[in-house]
Every structure is written in structure tokens, then in C-alpha cells.
C-alpha atoms as a PDB file:
ATOM      1  CA  UNK A   1     -87.136  42.563-124.859  1.00  0.00           C
ATOM      2  CA  UNK A   2     -85.733  39.188-123.835  1.00  0.00           C
ATOM      3  CA  UNK A   3     -82.576  40.781-122.475  1.00  0.00           C
ATOM      4  CA  UNK A   4     -84.706  43.172-120.414  1.00  0.00           C
ATOM      5  CA  UNK A   5     -86.674  40.216-119.051  1.00  0.00           C
ATOM      6  CA  UNK A   6     -83.423  38.531-118.020  1.00  0.00           C
ATOM      7  CA  UNK A   7     -82.194  41.739-116.389  1.00  0.00           C
ATOM      8  CA  UNK A   8     -85.449  41.976-114.395  1.00  0.00           C
ATOM      9  CA  UNK A   9     -84.922  38.432-113.073  1.00  0.00           C
ATOM     10  CA  UNK A  10     -83.126  38.242-109.763  1.00  0.00           C
ATOM     11  CA  UNK A  11     -79.724  36.557-109.713  1.00  0.00           C
ATOM     12  CA  UNK A  12     -80.992  34.352-106.882  1.00  0.00           C
ATOM     13  CA  UNK A  13     -83.758  32.995-109.117  1.00  0.00           C
ATOM     14  CA  UNK A  14     -81.305  32.253-111.931  1.00  0.00           C
ATOM     15  CA  UNK A  15     -78.934  30.585-109.443  1.00  0.00           C
ATOM     16  CA  UNK A  16     -81.805  28.452-108.147  1.00  0.00           C
ATOM     17  CA  UNK A  17     -82.505  27.183-111.667  1.00  0.00           C
ATOM     18  CA  UNK A  18     -78.809  26.460-112.256  1.00  0.00           C
ATOM     19  CA  UNK A  19     -78.477  24.607-108.966  1.00  0.00           C
ATOM     20  CA  UNK A  20     -81.428  22.433-109.978  1.00  0.00           C
ATOM     21  CA  UNK A  21     -79.575  21.285-113.102  1.00  0.00           C
ATOM     22  CA  UNK A  22     -81.543  23.319-115.608  1.00  0.00           C
ATOM     23  CA  UNK A  23     -79.784  24.193-118.850  1.00  0.00           C
ATOM     24  CA  UNK A  24     -79.504  27.693-120.302  1.00  0.00           C
ATOM     25  CA  UNK A  25     -82.226  27.054-122.885  1.00  0.00           C
ATOM     26  CA  UNK A  26     -84.759  26.038-120.245  1.00  0.00           C
ATOM     27  CA  UNK A  27     -83.885  28.906-117.927  1.00  0.00           C
ATOM     28  CA  UNK A  28     -84.295  31.462-120.702  1.00  0.00           C
ATOM     29  CA  UNK A  29     -87.598  29.884-121.723  1.00  0.00           C
ATOM     30  CA  UNK A  30     -88.940  30.058-118.156  1.00  0.00           C
ATOM     31  CA  UNK A  31     -87.864  33.679-117.804  1.00  0.00           C
ATOM     32  CA  UNK A  32     -89.439  34.628-121.130  1.00  0.00           C
ATOM     33  CA  UNK A  33     -92.698  32.742-120.528  1.00  0.00           C
ATOM     34  CA  UNK A  34     -93.166  34.222-117.054  1.00  0.00           C
ATOM     35  CA  UNK A  35     -92.255  37.798-117.970  1.00  0.00           C
ATOM     36  CA  UNK A  36     -95.438  39.863-117.962  1.00  0.00           C
ATOM     37  CA  UNK A  37     -94.359  42.288-120.710  1.00  0.00           C
ATOM     38  CA  UNK A  38     -93.496  39.474-123.100  1.00  0.00           C
ATOM     39  CA  UNK A  39     -96.372  37.127-122.289  1.00  0.00           C
ATOM     40  CA  UNK A  40     -98.940  39.897-122.749  1.00  0.00           C
ATOM     41  CA  UNK A  41     -97.611  40.901-126.159  1.00  0.00           C
ATOM     42  CA  UNK A  42     -96.682  37.509-127.649  1.00  0.00           C
ATOM     43  CA  UNK A  43     -98.239  34.055-127.561  1.00  0.00           C
ATOM     44  CA  UNK A  44     -96.382  31.045-126.190  1.00  0.00           C
ATOM     45  CA  UNK A  45     -95.462  29.640-129.611  1.00  0.00           C
ATOM     46  CA  UNK A  46     -93.751  32.876-130.673  1.00  0.00           C
ATOM     47  CA  UNK A  47     -91.826  33.048-127.405  1.00  0.00           C
ATOM     48  CA  UNK A  48     -90.700  29.405-127.649  1.00  0.00           C
ATOM     49  CA  UNK A  49     -89.494  29.855-131.230  1.00  0.00           C
ATOM     50  CA  UNK A  50     -87.705  33.072-130.285  1.00  0.00           C
ATOM     51  CA  UNK A  51     -85.818  31.328-127.488  1.00  0.00           C
ATOM     52  CA  UNK A  52     -84.840  28.493-129.866  1.00  0.00           C
ATOM     53  CA  UNK A  53     -83.538  30.993-132.406  1.00  0.00           C
ATOM     54  CA  UNK A  54     -81.554  32.980-129.822  1.00  0.00           C
ATOM     55  CA  UNK A  55     -79.966  29.853-128.367  1.00  0.00           C
ATOM     56  CA  UNK A  56     -79.050  28.458-131.808  1.00  0.00           C
ATOM     57  CA  UNK A  57     -77.519  31.784-132.808  1.00  0.00           C
ATOM     58  CA  UNK A  58     -75.505  31.854-129.593  1.00  0.00           C
ATOM     59  CA  UNK A  59     -74.072  28.398-130.315  1.00  0.00           C
ATOM     60  CA  UNK A  60     -72.918  29.517-133.771  1.00  0.00           C
ATOM     61  CA  UNK A  61     -70.787  32.361-132.407  1.00  0.00           C
ATOM     62  CA  UNK A  62     -67.076  31.589-132.051  1.00  0.00           C
ATOM     63  CA  UNK A  63     -65.777  31.596-128.487  1.00  0.00           C
END
């Protein structure tokens, strides 16, 4: 569901966040918290913890 939320976000919006020195974690959190499908089905705590888990898992993967 998070990946769908990211895909629904316009590239211009993501670029705006990047140009304003936001890090990947914060951008994903904003996208997830403002996505209607996710915010209706899950409370803020669950969404925050999910983003933390996804970002930690991504850092563990070898490049």
C-alpha cells in the first residue's frame, strides 16, 4: 500500500521535498501520512512505525 501511495504522488511533489532538503525517511512519512487510503485504514502510530521499518530494511540491503 505504501508503494501505491508513492506511485500516486506526483514527481513534482517529490522533487519539491528533495529540493527543500528533506531526507527520504521524511518524504516517505509525509506521503504515507497524507495518503487518504492509508490514513483512513491505519492510525498515525502504525504508519510511522511502518515507515521506520521500511527505511531500516532498505538500509540493510547490499548495494
